[in-house]
Amino acid sequence: ERPMFGSLLLACAVAADPAPADGWVELFNGKDLTGWGYKDKAGDKFEAFDGKTESSDKRYTAKDGVITVHPTEVRVLRQLWTAKEFSGDFELRLEFRAGENADSGLFLRKPQLQVRDYPVAGPYKELKKYKPKDWNEVVVVSKGDVA
């Protein structure tokens, strides 16, 4: 029997892309999952969650300015995708708060950055600025094929 995994909360997800005057595009509107959805295994079909506050399987919800990834009894991997694709160089900024034993990831052009309760789940055990059970900022700069 697998243990239940902790929840993960995401907020303030924004990415740089030459669009609005200040260059930032908000990925999360703070109220629902508009702009987010699931891709099928082949990556051909996109199930959009526009206007909805929860994904079709209730794994992800949006409420009070936060997207929450809910733990499941059985570890079912469903990846939440942005509807918009970003080409070229960009910077992604997001805040997350990981519940105890949370284990999630952020995928950018293939590689995965672990977004989790680091001191418990690793791989980073000693982070000077990480605040357990509190909001932490992640900034990823993507140039060419390197993030």
C-alpha atoms as a PDB file:
ATOM      1  CA  GLU A   1       0.000   0.000   0.000  1.00  0.00           C
ATOM      2  CA  ARG A   2       1.377   3.377  -0.987  1.00  0.00           C
ATOM      3  CA  PRO A   3       1.219   6.299   1.418  1.00  0.00           C
ATOM      4  CA  MET A   4      -0.952   9.264   0.543  1.00  0.00           C
ATOM      5  CA  PHE A   5       1.135  12.040  -0.945  1.00  0.00           C
ATOM      6  CA  GLY A   6       0.956  15.572   0.416  1.00  0.00           C
ATOM      7  CA  SER A   7      -0.777  18.326  -1.487  1.00  0.00           C
ATOM      8  CA  LEU A   8       1.001  20.985  -3.479  1.00  0.00           C
ATOM      9  CA  LEU A   9      -0.247  24.542  -3.876  1.00  0.00           C
ATOM     10  CA  LEU A  10       0.773  26.848  -6.726  1.00  0.00           C
ATOM     11  CA  ALA A  11       0.205  30.568  -7.059  1.00  0.00           C
ATOM     12  CA  CYS A  12       1.348  33.557  -9.083  1.00  0.00           C
ATOM     13  CA  ALA A  13       2.493  31.537 -12.090  1.00  0.00           C
ATOM     14  CA  VAL A  14       3.726  33.940 -14.728  1.00  0.00           C
ATOM     15  CA  ALA A  15       6.083  33.591 -17.671  1.00  0.00           C
ATOM     16  CA  ALA A  16       7.993  36.038 -19.822  1.00  0.00           C
ATOM     17  CA  ASP A  17       7.024  36.092 -23.467  1.00  0.00           C
ATOM     18  CA  PRO A  18       6.956  39.053 -25.832  1.00  0.00           C
ATOM     19  CA  ALA A  19       3.280  39.965 -25.374  1.00  0.00           C
ATOM     20  CA  PRO A  20       1.945  42.619 -22.978  1.00  0.00           C
ATOM     21  CA  ALA A  21       3.863  45.863 -22.514  1.00  0.00           C
ATOM     22  CA  ASP A  22       5.717  44.606 -19.456  1.00  0.00           C
ATOM     23  CA  GLY A  23       6.571  41.300 -21.186  1.00  0.00           C
ATOM     24  CA  TRP A  24       4.847  39.038 -18.647  1.00  0.00           C
ATOM     25  CA  VAL A  25       1.970  36.671 -19.372  1.00  0.00           C
ATOM     26  CA  GLU A  26      -0.128  35.447 -16.464  1.00  0.00           C
ATOM     27  CA  LEU A  27      -0.579  31.688 -16.601  1.00  0.00           C
ATOM     28  CA  PHE A  28      -3.138  31.589 -13.797  1.00  0.00           C
ATOM     29  CA  ASN A  29      -6.028  34.024 -13.508  1.00  0.00           C
ATOM     30  CA  GLY A  30      -6.426  33.370  -9.769  1.00  0.00           C
ATOM     31  CA  LYS A  31      -9.989  32.073  -9.963  1.00  0.00           C
ATOM     32  CA  ASP A  32     -10.301  29.041 -12.262  1.00  0.00           C
ATOM     33  CA  LEU A  33      -8.343  26.664 -14.510  1.00  0.00           C
ATOM     34  CA  THR A  34      -8.779  28.695 -17.697  1.00  0.00           C
ATOM     35  CA  GLY A  35      -5.707  28.163 -19.845  1.00  0.00           C
ATOM     36  CA  TRP A  36      -4.939  24.771 -18.286  1.00  0.00           C
ATOM     37  CA  GLY A  37      -5.876  21.205 -19.136  1.00  0.00           C
ATOM     38  CA  TYR A  38      -4.816  17.619 -19.783  1.00  0.00           C
ATOM     39  CA  LYS A  39      -3.177  16.220 -22.899  1.00  0.00           C
ATOM     40  CA  ASP A  40      -3.840  12.654 -23.939  1.00  0.00           C
ATOM     41  CA  LYS A  41      -0.940  10.172 -23.856  1.00  0.00           C
ATOM     42  CA  ALA A  42      -0.072  10.841 -27.499  1.00  0.00           C
ATOM     43  CA  GLY A  43      -0.188  14.605 -26.899  1.00  0.00           C
ATOM     44  CA  ASP A  44      -2.654  15.065 -29.749  1.00  0.00           C
ATOM     45  CA  LYS A  45      -5.807  16.023 -27.865  1.00  0.00           C
ATOM     46  CA  PHE A  46      -6.196  18.708 -25.211  1.00  0.00           C
ATOM     47  CA  GLU A  47      -8.941  18.607 -22.563  1.00  0.00           C
ATOM     48  CA  ALA A  48      -9.364  22.283 -21.592  1.00  0.00           C
ATOM     49  CA  PHE A  49     -10.594  23.269 -18.142  1.00  0.00           C
ATOM     50  CA  ASP A  50     -11.579  26.813 -19.136  1.00  0.00           C
ATOM     51  CA  GLY A  51     -14.067  28.316 -16.702  1.00  0.00           C
ATOM     52  CA  LYS A  52     -13.862  25.297 -14.388  1.00  0.00           C
ATOM     53  CA  THR A  53     -12.557  25.343 -10.841  1.00  0.00           C
ATOM     54  CA  GLU A  54     -11.553  21.671 -10.871  1.00  0.00           C
ATOM     55  CA  SER A  55     -10.117  19.186 -13.348  1.00  0.00           C
ATOM     56  CA  SER A  56     -12.300  16.388 -14.653  1.00  0.00           C
ATOM     57  CA  ASP A  57     -10.775  13.941 -12.131  1.00  0.00           C
ATOM     58  CA  LYS A  58     -10.715  16.518  -9.279  1.00  0.00           C
ATOM     59  CA  ARG A  59      -6.921  16.146  -9.021  1.00  0.00           C
ATOM     60  CA  TYR A  60      -6.424  19.910  -9.518  1.00  0.00           C
ATOM     61  CA  THR A  61      -8.576  22.715  -8.172  1.00  0.00           C
ATOM     62  CA  ALA A  62      -8.440  26.509  -8.346  1.00  0.00           C
ATOM     63  CA  LYS A  63      -9.708  28.557  -5.431  1.00  0.00           C
ATOM     64  CA  ASP A  64      -8.760  31.797  -3.682  1.00  0.00           C
ATOM     65  CA  GLY A  65      -5.809  32.534  -5.990  1.00  0.00           C
ATOM     66  CA  VAL A  66      -4.253  29.081  -5.662  1.00  0.00           C
ATOM     67  CA  ILE A  67      -4.081  25.953  -7.825  1.00  0.00           C
ATOM     68  CA  THR A  68      -4.009  22.909  -5.553  1.00  0.00           C
ATOM     69  CA  VAL A  69      -2.706  19.489  -6.527  1.00  0.00           C
ATOM     70  CA  HIS A  70      -4.634  16.988  -4.412  1.00  0.00           C
ATOM     71  CA  PRO A  71      -3.061  13.751  -3.204  1.00  0.00           C
ATOM     72  CA  THR A  72      -4.558  10.453  -4.264  1.00  0.00           C
ATOM     73  CA  GLU A  73      -4.576   7.048  -2.599  1.00  0.00           C
ATOM     74  CA  VAL A  74      -3.075   5.459  -5.669  1.00  0.00           C
ATOM     75  CA  ARG A  75      -0.315   7.442  -7.302  1.00  0.00           C
ATOM     76  CA  VAL A  76      -1.955   8.488 -10.548  1.00  0.00           C
ATOM     77  CA  LEU A  77       0.215  10.756 -12.647  1.00  0.00           C
ATOM     78  CA  ARG A  78      -1.867  13.322 -14.520  1.00  0.00           C
ATOM     79  CA  GLN A  79       0.089  16.291 -15.725  1.00  0.00           C
ATOM     80  CA  LEU A  80      -1.522  19.705 -15.885  1.00  0.00           C
ATOM     81  CA  TRP A  81      -0.490  21.557 -19.054  1.00  0.00           C
ATOM     82  CA  THR A  82      -0.807  25.176 -20.101  1.00  0.00           C
ATOM     83  CA  ALA A  83      -2.927  25.597 -23.214  1.00  0.00           C
ATOM     84  CA  LYS A  84      -0.445  28.146 -24.534  1.00  0.00           C
ATOM     85  CA  GLU A  85       2.926  26.965 -25.749  1.00  0.00           C
ATOM     86  CA  PHE A  86       5.972  29.149 -25.205  1.00  0.00           C
ATOM     87  CA  SER A  87       8.778  29.263 -27.730  1.00  0.00           C
ATOM     88  CA  GLY A  88      12.038  31.124 -27.497  1.00  0.00           C
ATOM     89  CA  ASP A  89      13.727  32.204 -24.311  1.00  0.00           C
ATOM     90  CA  PHE A  90      11.608  32.913 -21.254  1.00  0.00           C
ATOM     91  CA  GLU A  91      11.596  33.231 -17.497  1.00  0.00           C
ATOM     92  CA  LEU A  92       9.033  31.429 -15.360  1.00  0.00           C
ATOM     93  CA  ARG A  93       8.249  32.586 -11.843  1.00  0.00           C
ATOM     94  CA  LEU A  94       5.946  30.743  -9.490  1.00  0.00           C
ATOM     95  CA  GLU A  95       5.346  30.271  -5.832  1.00  0.00           C
ATOM     96  CA  PHE A  96       4.577  26.920  -4.256  1.00  0.00           C
ATOM     97  CA  ARG A  97       3.786  25.552  -0.843  1.00  0.00           C
ATOM     98  CA  ALA A  98       4.358  21.839  -0.474  1.00  0.00           C
ATOM     99  CA  GLY A  99       2.518  19.744   2.071  1.00  0.00           C
ATOM    100  CA  GLU A 100       4.552  17.206   4.000  1.00  0.00           C
ATOM    101  CA  ASN A 101       5.690  14.396   1.663  1.00  0.00           C
ATOM    102  CA  ALA A 102       4.430  16.301  -1.403  1.00  0.00           C
ATOM    103  CA  ASP A 103       6.104  15.073  -4.560  1.00  0.00           C
ATOM    104  CA  SER A 104       5.485  16.957  -7.766  1.00  0.00           C
ATOM    105  CA  GLY A 105       7.409  18.346 -10.672  1.00  0.00           C
ATOM    106  CA  LEU A 106       7.614  21.169 -13.146  1.00  0.00           C
ATOM    107  CA  PHE A 107       8.340  20.147 -16.736  1.00  0.00           C
ATOM    108  CA  LEU A 108       9.983  22.620 -19.075  1.00  0.00           C
ATOM    109  CA  ARG A 109      10.937  21.343 -22.508  1.00  0.00           C
ATOM    110  CA  LYS A 110      11.439  17.779 -21.266  1.00  0.00           C
ATOM    111  CA  PRO A 111      13.540  18.034 -18.064  1.00  0.00           C
ATOM    112  CA  GLN A 112      11.725  17.921 -14.738  1.00  0.00           C
ATOM    113  CA  LEU A 113      12.423  20.208 -11.810  1.00  0.00           C
ATOM    114  CA  GLN A 114      11.241  18.612  -8.586  1.00  0.00           C
ATOM    115  CA  VAL A 115       8.750  20.832  -6.743  1.00  0.00           C
ATOM    116  CA  ARG A 116       8.176  19.187  -3.409  1.00  0.00           C
ATOM    117  CA  ASP A 117       8.799  19.083   0.306  1.00  0.00           C
ATOM    118  CA  TYR A 118      12.567  19.108  -0.257  1.00  0.00           C
ATOM    119  CA  PRO A 119      13.889  18.389   3.252  1.00  0.00           C
ATOM    120  CA  VAL A 120      11.713  15.259   3.464  1.00  0.00           C
ATOM    121  CA  ALA A 121      11.503  14.089  -0.170  1.00  0.00           C
ATOM    122  CA  GLY A 122      14.849  15.399  -1.482  1.00  0.00           C
ATOM    123  CA  PRO A 123      16.850  15.653  -3.592  1.00  0.00           C
ATOM    124  CA  TYR A 124      17.928  18.897  -1.928  1.00  0.00           C
ATOM    125  CA  LYS A 125      18.272  18.451   1.811  1.00  0.00           C
ATOM    126  CA  GLU A 126      19.980  21.727   2.744  1.00  0.00           C
ATOM    127  CA  LEU A 127      18.410  24.789   1.190  1.00  0.00           C
ATOM    128  CA  LYS A 128      19.159  28.101   2.875  1.00  0.00           C
ATOM    129  CA  LYS A 129      16.054  29.916   1.635  1.00  0.00           C
ATOM    130  CA  TYR A 130      13.532  27.042   1.611  1.00  0.00           C
ATOM    131  CA  LYS A 131      10.702  27.541   4.098  1.00  0.00           C
ATOM    132  CA  PRO A 132       8.991  24.242   5.031  1.00  0.00           C
ATOM    133  CA  LYS A 133       5.177  24.397   4.986  1.00  0.00           C
ATOM    134  CA  ASP A 134       5.343  27.969   3.672  1.00  0.00           C
ATOM    135  CA  TRP A 135       5.389  29.700   0.299  1.00  0.00           C
ATOM    136  CA  ASN A 136       8.616  29.420  -1.700  1.00  0.00           C
ATOM    137  CA  GLU A 137       9.509  31.075  -4.999  1.00  0.00           C
ATOM    138  CA  VAL A 138      10.922  29.234  -7.993  1.00  0.00           C
ATOM    139  CA  VAL A 139      12.478  31.182 -10.857  1.00  0.00           C
ATOM    140  CA  VAL A 140      13.452  29.259 -13.982  1.00  0.00           C
ATOM    141  CA  VAL A 141      15.273  30.924 -16.860  1.00  0.00           C
ATOM    142  CA  SER A 142      15.035  29.047 -20.142  1.00  0.00           C
ATOM    143  CA  LYS A 143      17.517  29.949 -22.914  1.00  0.00           C
ATOM    144  CA  GLY A 144      17.596  27.776 -25.978  1.00  0.00           C
ATOM    145  CA  ASP A 145      17.343  24.154 -24.871  1.00  0.00           C
ATOM    146  CA  VAL A 146      18.625  24.827 -21.344  1.00  0.00           C
ATOM    147  CA  ALA A 147      16.418  25.689 -18.381  1.00  0.00           C
END
